[in-house]
Amino acid sequence: MGYFDPAWYWHQLGLVHFAAGRYDEAIEAYERSATRPGWMFAYITACHVYTGRPDQARRAAAEALRLRPNFSIQRCLSREPFKNDADSLHLADGLRMAGLPE
């Protein structure tokens, strides 16, 4: 894609798709990123939960924990840009359904 290859672009595009409930598009954007930090795998986990793919959700959750052994839902939410509490709750619910720690 050329100019729009910086990781921040794909990270933000994935976040926008997640917030809009377009989970497959979010996963696609995250997978295009050259860097995939632990928080990104948290979003990928929730996306797979909401699209009914529990095996992929478990794999993404395991990767989130591998990259951030001290990962917790509360720590993740404290760093997210959501103004609307419902958006934060939506992410948290997806992470809980995948079995990630509070």
PDB file of N, CA and C in Angstrom:
ATOM      1  N   MET A   1       0.820  -1.189   0.000  1.00  0.00           N
ATOM      2  CA  MET A   1       0.000   0.000   0.000  1.00  0.00           C
ATOM      3  C   MET A   1       0.864   1.252   0.000  1.00  0.00           C
ATOM      4  N   GLY A   2       2.133   1.117   0.192  1.00  0.00           N
ATOM      5  CA  GLY A   2       3.016   2.264   0.063  1.00  0.00           C
ATOM      6  C   GLY A   2       3.017   3.203   1.243  1.00  0.00           C
ATOM      7  N   TYR A   3       2.553   4.421   1.014  1.00  0.00           N
ATOM      8  CA  TYR A   3       2.635   5.473   2.023  1.00  0.00           C
ATOM      9  C   TYR A   3       1.933   5.117   3.330  1.00  0.00           C
ATOM     10  N   PHE A   4       0.851   4.371   3.270  1.00  0.00           N
ATOM     11  CA  PHE A   4       0.078   4.065   4.465  1.00  0.00           C
ATOM     12  C   PHE A   4       0.491   2.758   5.133  1.00  0.00           C
ATOM     13  N   ASP A   5       1.765   2.413   5.041  1.00  0.00           N
ATOM     14  CA  ASP A   5       2.245   1.201   5.680  1.00  0.00           C
ATOM     15  C   ASP A   5       2.653   1.351   7.141  1.00  0.00           C
ATOM     16  N   PRO A   6       2.745   2.541   7.714  1.00  0.00           N
ATOM     17  CA  PRO A   6       3.137   2.609   9.125  1.00  0.00           C
ATOM     18  C   PRO A   6       2.164   1.831  10.007  1.00  0.00           C
ATOM     19  N   ALA A   7       2.708   1.206  11.032  1.00  0.00           N
ATOM     20  CA  ALA A   7       1.887   0.370  11.913  1.00  0.00           C
ATOM     21  C   ALA A   7       0.713   1.147  12.497  1.00  0.00           C
ATOM     22  N   TRP A   8       0.907   2.416  12.840  1.00  0.00           N
ATOM     23  CA  TRP A   8      -0.169   3.175  13.474  1.00  0.00           C
ATOM     24  C   TRP A   8      -1.416   3.214  12.599  1.00  0.00           C
ATOM     25  N   TYR A   9      -1.234   3.243  11.291  1.00  0.00           N
ATOM     26  CA  TYR A   9      -2.381   3.299  10.387  1.00  0.00           C
ATOM     27  C   TYR A   9      -3.239   2.053  10.549  1.00  0.00           C
ATOM     28  N   TRP A  10      -2.618   0.887  10.500  1.00  0.00           N
ATOM     29  CA  TRP A  10      -3.360  -0.368  10.599  1.00  0.00           C
ATOM     30  C   TRP A  10      -3.936  -0.553  11.990  1.00  0.00           C
ATOM     31  N   HIS A  11      -3.199  -0.122  13.005  1.00  0.00           N
ATOM     32  CA  HIS A  11      -3.694  -0.214  14.383  1.00  0.00           C
ATOM     33  C   HIS A  11      -4.975   0.602  14.527  1.00  0.00           C
ATOM     34  N   GLN A  12      -4.952   1.835  14.048  1.00  0.00           N
ATOM     35  CA  GLN A  12      -6.119   2.711  14.178  1.00  0.00           C
ATOM     36  C   GLN A  12      -7.278   2.249  13.312  1.00  0.00           C
ATOM     37  N   LEU A  13      -6.979   1.783  12.112  1.00  0.00           N
ATOM     38  CA  LEU A  13      -8.038   1.277  11.247  1.00  0.00           C
ATOM     39  C   LEU A  13      -8.716   0.068  11.889  1.00  0.00           C
ATOM     40  N   GLY A  14      -7.929  -0.814  12.483  1.00  0.00           N
ATOM     41  CA  GLY A  14      -8.500  -1.968  13.177  1.00  0.00           C
ATOM     42  C   GLY A  14      -9.387  -1.539  14.330  1.00  0.00           C
ATOM     43  N   LEU A  15      -8.947  -0.555  15.084  1.00  0.00           N
ATOM     44  CA  LEU A  15      -9.728  -0.048  16.210  1.00  0.00           C
ATOM     45  C   LEU A  15     -11.064   0.526  15.737  1.00  0.00           C
ATOM     46  N   VAL A  16     -11.031   1.292  14.658  1.00  0.00           N
ATOM     47  CA  VAL A  16     -12.258   1.878  14.104  1.00  0.00           C
ATOM     48  C   VAL A  16     -13.221   0.772  13.657  1.00  0.00           C
ATOM     49  N   HIS A  17     -12.704  -0.226  12.964  1.00  0.00           N
ATOM     50  CA  HIS A  17     -13.561  -1.331  12.521  1.00  0.00           C
ATOM     51  C   HIS A  17     -14.138  -2.081  13.714  1.00  0.00           C
ATOM     52  N   PHE A  18     -13.325  -2.306  14.741  1.00  0.00           N
ATOM     53  CA  PHE A  18     -13.830  -2.993  15.932  1.00  0.00           C
ATOM     54  C   PHE A  18     -14.976  -2.207  16.555  1.00  0.00           C
ATOM     55  N   ALA A  19     -14.768  -0.924  16.759  1.00  0.00           N
ATOM     56  CA  ALA A  19     -15.792  -0.086  17.379  1.00  0.00           C
ATOM     57  C   ALA A  19     -17.073  -0.051  16.552  1.00  0.00           C
ATOM     58  N   ALA A  20     -16.945  -0.195  15.245  1.00  0.00           N
ATOM     59  CA  ALA A  20     -18.111  -0.194  14.356  1.00  0.00           C
ATOM     60  C   ALA A  20     -18.764  -1.574  14.251  1.00  0.00           C
ATOM     61  N   GLY A  21     -18.178  -2.578  14.922  1.00  0.00           N
ATOM     62  CA  GLY A  21     -18.735  -3.927  14.852  1.00  0.00           C
ATOM     63  C   GLY A  21     -18.396  -4.663  13.579  1.00  0.00           C
ATOM     64  N   ARG A  22     -17.387  -4.187  12.874  1.00  0.00           N
ATOM     65  CA  ARG A  22     -16.942  -4.833  11.629  1.00  0.00           C
ATOM     66  C   ARG A  22     -15.680  -5.653  11.949  1.00  0.00           C
ATOM     67  N   TYR A  23     -15.919  -6.786  12.566  1.00  0.00           N
ATOM     68  CA  TYR A  23     -14.837  -7.565  13.164  1.00  0.00           C
ATOM     69  C   TYR A  23     -13.902  -8.196  12.143  1.00  0.00           C
ATOM     70  N   ASP A  24     -14.434  -8.707  11.056  1.00  0.00           N
ATOM     71  CA  ASP A  24     -13.553  -9.300  10.045  1.00  0.00           C
ATOM     72  C   ASP A  24     -12.639  -8.244   9.439  1.00  0.00           C
ATOM     73  N   GLU A  25     -13.186  -7.047   9.211  1.00  0.00           N
ATOM     74  CA  GLU A  25     -12.372  -5.959   8.677  1.00  0.00           C
ATOM     75  C   GLU A  25     -11.307  -5.529   9.683  1.00  0.00           C
ATOM     76  N   ALA A  26     -11.665  -5.562  10.966  1.00  0.00           N
ATOM     77  CA  ALA A  26     -10.688  -5.223  12.010  1.00  0.00           C
ATOM     78  C   ALA A  26      -9.533  -6.216  11.997  1.00  0.00           C
ATOM     79  N   ILE A  27      -9.861  -7.493  11.956  1.00  0.00           N
ATOM     80  CA  ILE A  27      -8.822  -8.522  11.920  1.00  0.00           C
ATOM     81  C   ILE A  27      -7.937  -8.330  10.699  1.00  0.00           C
ATOM     82  N   GLU A  28      -8.554  -8.079   9.571  1.00  0.00           N
ATOM     83  CA  GLU A  28      -7.805  -7.867   8.330  1.00  0.00           C
ATOM     84  C   GLU A  28      -6.825  -6.694   8.474  1.00  0.00           C
ATOM     85  N   ALA A  29      -7.276  -5.602   9.059  1.00  0.00           N
ATOM     86  CA  ALA A  29      -6.392  -4.441   9.249  1.00  0.00           C
ATOM     87  C   ALA A  29      -5.250  -4.789  10.199  1.00  0.00           C
ATOM     88  N   TYR A  30      -5.571  -5.432  11.311  1.00  0.00           N
ATOM     89  CA  TYR A  30      -4.522  -5.796  12.271  1.00  0.00           C
ATOM     90  C   TYR A  30      -3.494  -6.733  11.645  1.00  0.00           C
ATOM     91  N   GLU A  31      -3.942  -7.648  10.824  1.00  0.00           N
ATOM     92  CA  GLU A  31      -3.021  -8.591  10.189  1.00  0.00           C
ATOM     93  C   GLU A  31      -2.111  -7.926   9.161  1.00  0.00           C
ATOM     94  N   ARG A  32      -2.482  -6.762   8.673  1.00  0.00           N
ATOM     95  CA  ARG A  32      -1.638  -6.046   7.707  1.00  0.00           C
ATOM     96  C   ARG A  32      -0.521  -5.266   8.391  1.00  0.00           C
ATOM     97  N   SER A  33      -0.615  -5.101   9.692  1.00  0.00           N
ATOM     98  CA  SER A  33       0.390  -4.337  10.429  1.00  0.00           C
ATOM     99  C   SER A  33       1.703  -5.102  10.512  1.00  0.00           C
ATOM    100  N   ALA A  34       2.796  -4.394  10.342  1.00  0.00           N
ATOM    101  CA  ALA A  34       4.119  -5.012  10.450  1.00  0.00           C
ATOM    102  C   ALA A  34       4.451  -5.333  11.906  1.00  0.00           C
ATOM    103  N   THR A  35       3.819  -4.634  12.836  1.00  0.00           N
ATOM    104  CA  THR A  35       4.036  -4.902  14.261  1.00  0.00           C
ATOM    105  C   THR A  35       2.711  -5.303  14.891  1.00  0.00           C
ATOM    106  N   ARG A  36       2.773  -6.269  15.785  1.00  0.00           N
ATOM    107  CA  ARG A  36       1.561  -6.739  16.461  1.00  0.00           C
ATOM    108  C   ARG A  36       1.823  -6.859  17.954  1.00  0.00           C
ATOM    109  N   PRO A  37       1.610  -5.758  18.680  1.00  0.00           N
ATOM    110  CA  PRO A  37       1.809  -5.791  20.126  1.00  0.00           C
ATOM    111  C   PRO A  37       0.694  -6.581  20.827  1.00  0.00           C
ATOM    112  N   GLY A  38       0.920  -6.858  22.093  1.00  0.00           N
ATOM    113  CA  GLY A  38      -0.033  -7.650  22.867  1.00  0.00           C
ATOM    114  C   GLY A  38      -1.438  -7.090  22.882  1.00  0.00           C
ATOM    115  N   TRP A  39      -1.571  -5.760  22.999  1.00  0.00           N
ATOM    116  CA  TRP A  39      -2.917  -5.180  23.041  1.00  0.00           C
ATOM    117  C   TRP A  39      -3.682  -5.464  21.752  1.00  0.00           C
ATOM    118  N   MET A  40      -2.960  -5.555  20.631  1.00  0.00           N
ATOM    119  CA  MET A  40      -3.622  -5.825  19.355  1.00  0.00           C
ATOM    120  C   MET A  40      -4.233  -7.223  19.366  1.00  0.00           C
ATOM    121  N   PHE A  41      -3.534  -8.171  19.975  1.00  0.00           N
ATOM    122  CA  PHE A  41      -4.079  -9.523  20.057  1.00  0.00           C
ATOM    123  C   PHE A  41      -5.303  -9.574  20.967  1.00  0.00           C
ATOM    124  N   ALA A  42      -5.407  -8.639  21.907  1.00  0.00           N
ATOM    125  CA  ALA A  42      -6.621  -8.553  22.711  1.00  0.00           C
ATOM    126  C   ALA A  42      -7.801  -8.198  21.810  1.00  0.00           C
ATOM    127  N   TYR A  43      -7.628  -7.227  20.943  1.00  0.00           N
ATOM    128  CA  TYR A  43      -8.697  -6.862  20.006  1.00  0.00           C
ATOM    129  C   TYR A  43      -9.003  -8.002  19.050  1.00  0.00           C
ATOM    130  N   ILE A  44      -7.971  -8.650  18.553  1.00  0.00           N
ATOM    131  CA  ILE A  44      -8.181  -9.783  17.643  1.00  0.00           C
ATOM    132  C   ILE A  44      -8.957 -10.880  18.363  1.00  0.00           C
ATOM    133  N   THR A  45      -8.631 -11.106  19.631  1.00  0.00           N
ATOM    134  CA  THR A  45      -9.356 -12.082  20.444  1.00  0.00           C
ATOM    135  C   THR A  45     -10.836 -11.746  20.490  1.00  0.00           C
ATOM    136  N   ALA A  46     -11.151 -10.499  20.847  1.00  0.00           N
ATOM    137  CA  ALA A  46     -12.555 -10.089  20.945  1.00  0.00           C
ATOM    138  C   ALA A  46     -13.253 -10.202  19.589  1.00  0.00           C
ATOM    139  N   CYS A  47     -12.564  -9.848  18.531  1.00  0.00           N
ATOM    140  CA  CYS A  47     -13.154  -9.972  17.188  1.00  0.00           C
ATOM    141  C   CYS A  47     -13.547 -11.409  16.895  1.00  0.00           C
ATOM    142  N   HIS A  48     -12.663 -12.343  17.212  1.00  0.00           N
ATOM    143  CA  HIS A  48     -12.972 -13.753  16.961  1.00  0.00           C
ATOM    144  C   HIS A  48     -14.108 -14.236  17.859  1.00  0.00           C
ATOM    145  N   VAL A  49     -14.157 -13.760  19.094  1.00  0.00           N
ATOM    146  CA  VAL A  49     -15.275 -14.115  19.979  1.00  0.00           C
ATOM    147  C   VAL A  49     -16.587 -13.671  19.353  1.00  0.00           C
ATOM    148  N   TYR A  50     -16.637 -12.424  18.912  1.00  0.00           N
ATOM    149  CA  TYR A  50     -17.882 -11.866  18.382  1.00  0.00           C
ATOM    150  C   TYR A  50     -18.276 -12.421  17.014  1.00  0.00           C
ATOM    151  N   THR A  51     -17.352 -13.081  16.347  1.00  0.00           N
ATOM    152  CA  THR A  51     -17.704 -13.706  15.064  1.00  0.00           C
ATOM    153  C   THR A  51     -17.872 -15.219  15.207  1.00  0.00           C
ATOM    154  N   GLY A  52     -17.872 -15.694  16.447  1.00  0.00           N
ATOM    155  CA  GLY A  52     -18.141 -17.106  16.687  1.00  0.00           C
ATOM    156  C   GLY A  52     -17.024 -18.048  16.310  1.00  0.00           C
ATOM    157  N   ARG A  53     -15.789 -17.591  16.480  1.00  0.00           N
ATOM    158  CA  ARG A  53     -14.629 -18.437  16.179  1.00  0.00           C
ATOM    159  C   ARG A  53     -13.818 -18.673  17.457  1.00  0.00           C
ATOM    160  N   PRO A  54     -14.290 -19.565  18.325  1.00  0.00           N
ATOM    161  CA  PRO A  54     -13.636 -19.754  19.624  1.00  0.00           C
ATOM    162  C   PRO A  54     -12.200 -20.271  19.539  1.00  0.00           C
ATOM    163  N   ASP A  55     -11.896 -21.115  18.559  1.00  0.00           N
ATOM    164  CA  ASP A  55     -10.522 -21.627  18.452  1.00  0.00           C
ATOM    165  C   ASP A  55      -9.546 -20.507  18.123  1.00  0.00           C
ATOM    166  N   GLN A  56      -9.916 -19.645  17.178  1.00  0.00           N
ATOM    167  CA  GLN A  56      -9.053 -18.523  16.830  1.00  0.00           C
ATOM    168  C   GLN A  56      -8.967 -17.531  17.992  1.00  0.00           C
ATOM    169  N   ALA A  57     -10.074 -17.364  18.719  1.00  0.00           N
ATOM    170  CA  ALA A  57     -10.062 -16.476  19.888  1.00  0.00           C
ATOM    171  C   ALA A  57      -9.080 -16.998  20.940  1.00  0.00           C
ATOM    172  N   ARG A  58      -9.084 -18.299  21.184  1.00  0.00           N
ATOM    173  CA  ARG A  58      -8.151 -18.881  22.167  1.00  0.00           C
ATOM    174  C   ARG A  58      -6.701 -18.689  21.730  1.00  0.00           C
ATOM    175  N   ARG A  59      -6.434 -18.877  20.436  1.00  0.00           N
ATOM    176  CA  ARG A  59      -5.062 -18.690  19.945  1.00  0.00           C
ATOM    177  C   ARG A  59      -4.621 -17.234  20.081  1.00  0.00           C
ATOM    178  N   ALA A  60      -5.494 -16.306  19.748  1.00  0.00           N
ATOM    179  CA  ALA A  60      -5.152 -14.887  19.870  1.00  0.00           C
ATOM    180  C   ALA A  60      -4.973 -14.499  21.337  1.00  0.00           C
ATOM    181  N   ALA A  61      -5.812 -15.039  22.218  1.00  0.00           N
ATOM    182  CA  ALA A  61      -5.677 -14.757  23.657  1.00  0.00           C
ATOM    183  C   ALA A  61      -4.348 -15.294  24.180  1.00  0.00           C
ATOM    184  N   ALA A  62      -3.979 -16.483  23.742  1.00  0.00           N
ATOM    185  CA  ALA A  62      -2.699 -17.063  24.166  1.00  0.00           C
ATOM    186  C   ALA A  62      -1.534 -16.192  23.701  1.00  0.00           C
ATOM    187  N   GLU A  63      -1.640 -15.645  22.507  1.00  0.00           N
ATOM    188  CA  GLU A  63      -0.576 -14.772  22.003  1.00  0.00           C
ATOM    189  C   GLU A  63      -0.530 -13.453  22.781  1.00  0.00           C
ATOM    190  N   ALA A  64      -1.687 -12.919  23.133  1.00  0.00           N
ATOM    191  CA  ALA A  64      -1.726 -11.700  23.959  1.00  0.00           C
ATOM    192  C   ALA A  64      -1.022 -11.950  25.281  1.00  0.00           C
ATOM    193  N   LEU A  65      -1.283 -13.101  25.883  1.00  0.00           N
ATOM    194  CA  LEU A  65      -0.648 -13.439  27.170  1.00  0.00           C
ATOM    195  C   LEU A  65       0.841 -13.733  27.012  1.00  0.00           C
ATOM    196  N   ARG A  66       1.221 -14.321  25.892  1.00  0.00           N
ATOM    197  CA  ARG A  66       2.642 -14.585  25.663  1.00  0.00           C
ATOM    198  C   ARG A  66       3.410 -13.278  25.539  1.00  0.00           C
ATOM    199  N   LEU A  67       2.841 -12.333  24.801  1.00  0.00           N
ATOM    200  CA  LEU A  67       3.519 -11.051  24.597  1.00  0.00           C
ATOM    201  C   LEU A  67       3.468 -10.157  25.837  1.00  0.00           C
ATOM    202  N   ARG A  68       2.412 -10.282  26.607  1.00  0.00           N
ATOM    203  CA  ARG A  68       2.239  -9.501  27.840  1.00  0.00           C
ATOM    204  C   ARG A  68       1.801 -10.441  28.954  1.00  0.00           C
ATOM    205  N   PRO A  69       2.757 -11.108  29.600  1.00  0.00           N
ATOM    206  CA  PRO A  69       2.404 -12.077  30.640  1.00  0.00           C
ATOM    207  C   PRO A  69       1.572 -11.482  31.778  1.00  0.00           C
ATOM    208  N   ASN A  70       1.681 -10.175  31.994  1.00  0.00           N
ATOM    209  CA  ASN A  70       0.905  -9.531  33.055  1.00  0.00           C
ATOM    210  C   ASN A  70      -0.386  -8.896  32.523  1.00  0.00           C
ATOM    211  N   PHE A  71      -0.838  -9.351  31.357  1.00  0.00           N
ATOM    212  CA  PHE A  71      -2.039  -8.804  30.745  1.00  0.00           C
ATOM    213  C   PHE A  71      -3.239  -8.962  31.664  1.00  0.00           C
ATOM    214  N   SER A  72      -4.051  -7.926  31.742  1.00  0.00           N
ATOM    215  CA  SER A  72      -5.343  -8.017  32.412  1.00  0.00           C
ATOM    216  C   SER A  72      -6.331  -7.142  31.653  1.00  0.00           C
ATOM    217  N   ILE A  73      -7.574  -7.497  31.768  1.00  0.00           N
ATOM    218  CA  ILE A  73      -8.614  -6.723  31.090  1.00  0.00           C
ATOM    219  C   ILE A  73      -8.623  -5.296  31.605  1.00  0.00           C
ATOM    220  N   GLN A  74      -8.522  -5.126  32.909  1.00  0.00           N
ATOM    221  CA  GLN A  74      -8.550  -3.775  33.486  1.00  0.00           C
ATOM    222  C   GLN A  74      -7.383  -2.931  32.990  1.00  0.00           C
ATOM    223  N   ARG A  75      -6.197  -3.507  32.930  1.00  0.00           N
ATOM    224  CA  ARG A  75      -5.023  -2.774  32.441  1.00  0.00           C
ATOM    225  C   ARG A  75      -5.210  -2.399  30.973  1.00  0.00           C
ATOM    226  N   CYS A  76      -5.742  -3.315  30.214  1.00  0.00           N
ATOM    227  CA  CYS A  76      -5.997  -3.060  28.788  1.00  0.00           C
ATOM    228  C   CYS A  76      -6.982  -1.906  28.629  1.00  0.00           C
ATOM    229  N   LEU A  77      -8.074  -1.937  29.352  1.00  0.00           N
ATOM    230  CA  LEU A  77      -9.098  -0.893  29.235  1.00  0.00           C
ATOM    231  C   LEU A  77      -8.593   0.470  29.687  1.00  0.00           C
ATOM    232  N   SER A  78      -7.686   0.478  30.643  1.00  0.00           N
ATOM    233  CA  SER A  78      -7.183   1.764  31.153  1.00  0.00           C
ATOM    234  C   SER A  78      -6.373   2.516  30.108  1.00  0.00           C
ATOM    235  N   ARG A  79      -5.957   1.829  29.078  1.00  0.00           N
ATOM    236  CA  ARG A  79      -5.123   2.448  28.040  1.00  0.00           C
ATOM    237  C   ARG A  79      -5.869   2.713  26.741  1.00  0.00           C
ATOM    238  N   GLU A  80      -7.145   2.427  26.732  1.00  0.00           N
ATOM    239  CA  GLU A  80      -7.902   2.561  25.492  1.00  0.00           C
ATOM    240  C   GLU A  80      -8.593   3.912  25.401  1.00  0.00           C
ATOM    241  N   PRO A  81      -8.790   4.395  24.165  1.00  0.00           N
ATOM    242  CA  PRO A  81      -9.266   5.765  23.951  1.00  0.00           C
ATOM    243  C   PRO A  81     -10.782   5.955  23.986  1.00  0.00           C
ATOM    244  N   PHE A  82     -11.530   4.960  24.409  1.00  0.00           N
ATOM    245  CA  PHE A  82     -12.985   5.057  24.330  1.00  0.00           C
ATOM    246  C   PHE A  82     -13.541   6.121  25.269  1.00  0.00           C
ATOM    247  N   LYS A  83     -14.376   6.988  24.725  1.00  0.00           N
ATOM    248  CA  LYS A  83     -15.101   7.962  25.542  1.00  0.00           C
ATOM    249  C   LYS A  83     -16.401   7.352  26.039  1.00  0.00           C
ATOM    250  N   ASN A  84     -16.961   6.491  25.238  1.00  0.00           N
ATOM    251  CA  ASN A  84     -18.237   5.873  25.541  1.00  0.00           C
ATOM    252  C   ASN A  84     -17.999   4.602  26.361  1.00  0.00           C
ATOM    253  N   ASP A  85     -18.580   4.546  27.545  1.00  0.00           N
ATOM    254  CA  ASP A  85     -18.416   3.371  28.403  1.00  0.00           C
ATOM    255  C   ASP A  85     -18.912   2.092  27.738  1.00  0.00           C
ATOM    256  N   ALA A  86     -19.908   2.199  26.902  1.00  0.00           N
ATOM    257  CA  ALA A  86     -20.437   1.014  26.220  1.00  0.00           C
ATOM    258  C   ALA A  86     -19.379   0.389  25.313  1.00  0.00           C
ATOM    259  N   ASP A  87     -18.529   1.211  24.700  1.00  0.00           N
ATOM    260  CA  ASP A  87     -17.462   0.676  23.849  1.00  0.00           C
ATOM    261  C   ASP A  87     -16.428  -0.077  24.677  1.00  0.00           C
ATOM    262  N   SER A  88     -16.072   0.482  25.821  1.00  0.00           N
ATOM    263  CA  SER A  88     -15.134  -0.204  26.721  1.00  0.00           C
ATOM    264  C   SER A  88     -15.727  -1.516  27.213  1.00  0.00           C
ATOM    265  N   LEU A  89     -16.991  -1.480  27.576  1.00  0.00           N
ATOM    266  CA  LEU A  89     -17.663  -2.681  28.064  1.00  0.00           C
ATOM    267  C   LEU A  89     -17.730  -3.751  26.972  1.00  0.00           C
ATOM    268  N   HIS A  90     -17.940  -3.328  25.752  1.00  0.00           N
ATOM    269  CA  HIS A  90     -17.996  -4.263  24.624  1.00  0.00           C
ATOM    270  C   HIS A  90     -16.664  -4.994  24.457  1.00  0.00           C
ATOM    271  N   LEU A  91     -15.564  -4.263  24.534  1.00  0.00           N
ATOM    272  CA  LEU A  91     -14.244  -4.894  24.458  1.00  0.00           C
ATOM    273  C   LEU A  91     -14.049  -5.823  25.644  1.00  0.00           C
ATOM    274  N   ALA A  92     -14.354  -5.332  26.846  1.00  0.00           N
ATOM    275  CA  ALA A  92     -14.166  -6.138  28.055  1.00  0.00           C
ATOM    276  C   ALA A  92     -14.973  -7.429  27.990  1.00  0.00           C
ATOM    277  N   ASP A  93     -16.207  -7.349  27.534  1.00  0.00           N
ATOM    278  CA  ASP A  93     -17.039  -8.556  27.442  1.00  0.00           C
ATOM    279  C   ASP A  93     -16.435  -9.586  26.496  1.00  0.00           C
ATOM    280  N   GLY A  94     -15.915  -9.125  25.361  1.00  0.00           N
ATOM    281  CA  GLY A  94     -15.273 -10.050  24.429  1.00  0.00           C
ATOM    282  C   GLY A  94     -14.052 -10.715  25.038  1.00  0.00           C
ATOM    283  N   LEU A  95     -13.280  -9.945  25.781  1.00  0.00           N
ATOM    284  CA  LEU A  95     -12.081 -10.498  26.431  1.00  0.00           C
ATOM    285  C   LEU A  95     -12.464 -11.483  27.526  1.00  0.00           C
ATOM    286  N   ARG A  96     -13.507 -11.169  28.279  1.00  0.00           N
ATOM    287  CA  ARG A  96     -13.980 -12.090  29.330  1.00  0.00           C
ATOM    288  C   ARG A  96     -14.477 -13.398  28.716  1.00  0.00           C
ATOM    289  N   MET A  97     -15.231 -13.285  27.632  1.00  0.00           N
ATOM    290  CA  MET A  97     -15.774 -14.499  26.989  1.00  0.00           C
ATOM    291  C   MET A  97     -14.638 -15.398  26.496  1.00  0.00           C
ATOM    292  N   ALA A  98     -13.493 -14.805  26.206  1.00  0.00           N
ATOM    293  CA  ALA A  98     -12.338 -15.597  25.753  1.00  0.00           C
ATOM    294  C   ALA A  98     -11.544 -16.141  26.932  1.00  0.00           C
ATOM    295  N   GLY A  99     -11.885 -15.720  28.142  1.00  0.00           N
ATOM    296  CA  GLY A  99     -11.205 -16.233  29.330  1.00  0.00           C
ATOM    297  C   GLY A  99      -9.956 -15.485  29.740  1.00  0.00           C
ATOM    298  N   LEU A 100      -9.762 -14.274  29.219  1.00  0.00           N
ATOM    299  CA  LEU A 100      -8.592 -13.491  29.632  1.00  0.00           C
ATOM    300  C   LEU A 100      -8.797 -12.995  31.060  1.00  0.00           C
ATOM    301  N   PRO A 101      -7.718 -12.823  31.815  1.00  0.00           N
ATOM    302  CA  PRO A 101      -7.845 -12.459  33.230  1.00  0.00           C
ATOM    303  C   PRO A 101      -8.324 -11.019  33.442  1.00  0.00           C
ATOM    304  N   GLU A 102      -9.084 -10.858  34.506  1.00  0.00           N
ATOM    305  CA  GLU A 102      -9.571  -9.528  34.888  1.00  0.00           C
ATOM    306  C   GLU A 102      -8.403  -8.628  35.209  1.00  0.00           C
TER     307      GLU A 102
END
